[in-house]
Amino acid sequence: MYTSFFGQEPTKVKENYAKFELEEPALHFSLNVRPFNKDGILNHLGFQVNNTEEVRALDSSD
C-alpha cells in the first residue's frame, strides 16, 4: 500500500520494519509493527533537515 502511495519501494526492509526515504517531499517515513496498546502505538516522530542553519532559519521566521 505505501509503495503505491509513495510511488517507490522502501529503502530498507527488515522483519516488521520498512523505511521510505522520499526526495519530494523531503520525508523519511518508517513503519514498525508493535503490539496494540490502549494508550496508542505512535512512539516517535522526527524531522530531518540538511543542516543546523535550516532549523535556525525556521525558528527566526516567526
Protein backbone atom coordinates (compact mmCIF):
# COMPACT_ATOMS: atom_id res chain seq x y z
CA MET A 1 0.00 0.00 0.00
CA TYR A 2 2.72 2.55 0.93
CA THR A 3 4.75 1.58 -2.15
CA SER A 4 1.78 2.61 -4.31
CA PHE A 5 1.12 5.73 -2.24
CA PHE A 6 4.74 6.96 -2.36
CA GLY A 7 5.42 5.63 -5.87
CA GLN A 8 8.64 3.90 -4.83
CA GLU A 9 9.94 0.87 -3.00
CA PRO A 10 11.14 1.18 0.60
CA THR A 11 14.85 1.91 1.02
CA LYS A 12 15.16 -0.55 3.89
CA VAL A 13 13.08 -3.61 4.81
CA LYS A 14 13.52 -5.88 7.82
CA GLU A 15 11.15 -8.12 9.72
CA ASN A 16 8.28 -5.90 10.94
CA TYR A 17 10.01 -2.76 9.57
CA ALA A 18 10.03 -0.70 6.39
CA LYS A 19 11.61 2.69 5.70
CA PHE A 20 10.88 5.07 2.85
CA GLU A 21 13.23 7.97 2.11
CA LEU A 22 11.45 10.43 -0.15
CA GLU A 23 13.03 13.30 -2.04
CA GLU A 24 9.84 15.30 -2.69
CA PRO A 25 8.51 16.00 -0.22
CA ALA A 26 11.67 15.51 1.82
CA LEU A 27 10.44 12.82 4.19
CA HIS A 28 11.80 9.75 5.93
CA PHE A 29 8.87 7.52 6.83
CA SER A 30 9.36 4.34 8.89
CA LEU A 31 6.82 1.69 9.76
CA ASN A 32 7.33 -0.57 12.76
CA VAL A 33 4.96 -3.34 13.81
CA ARG A 34 4.20 -3.00 17.51
CA PRO A 35 1.66 -4.72 19.76
CA PHE A 36 -1.57 -2.81 20.31
CA ASN A 37 -1.54 -0.57 23.38
CA LYS A 38 -4.72 1.12 24.62
CA ASP A 39 -2.72 4.34 25.11
CA GLY A 40 -1.72 4.32 21.43
CA ILE A 41 1.12 2.91 19.39
CA LEU A 42 2.73 6.04 17.94
CA ASN A 43 6.05 6.41 19.71
CA HIS A 44 8.26 8.62 17.56
CA LEU A 45 8.06 11.48 15.09
CA GLY A 46 11.14 13.13 13.69
CA PHE A 47 12.15 15.71 11.13
CA GLN A 48 15.36 15.62 9.15
CA VAL A 49 16.99 18.74 7.77
CA ASN A 50 20.17 19.28 5.79
CA ASN A 51 21.91 21.43 8.38
CA THR A 52 21.52 23.46 11.57
CA GLU A 53 21.07 26.70 9.62
CA GLU A 54 17.77 25.41 8.21
CA VAL A 55 16.45 24.94 11.75
CA ARG A 56 17.65 28.37 12.84
CA ALA A 57 16.00 29.96 9.79
CA LEU A 58 12.67 28.38 10.72
CA ASP A 59 12.99 29.46 14.33
CA SER A 60 13.60 33.10 13.39
CA SER A 61 10.79 33.29 10.82
CA ASP A 62 8.02 33.89 13.40
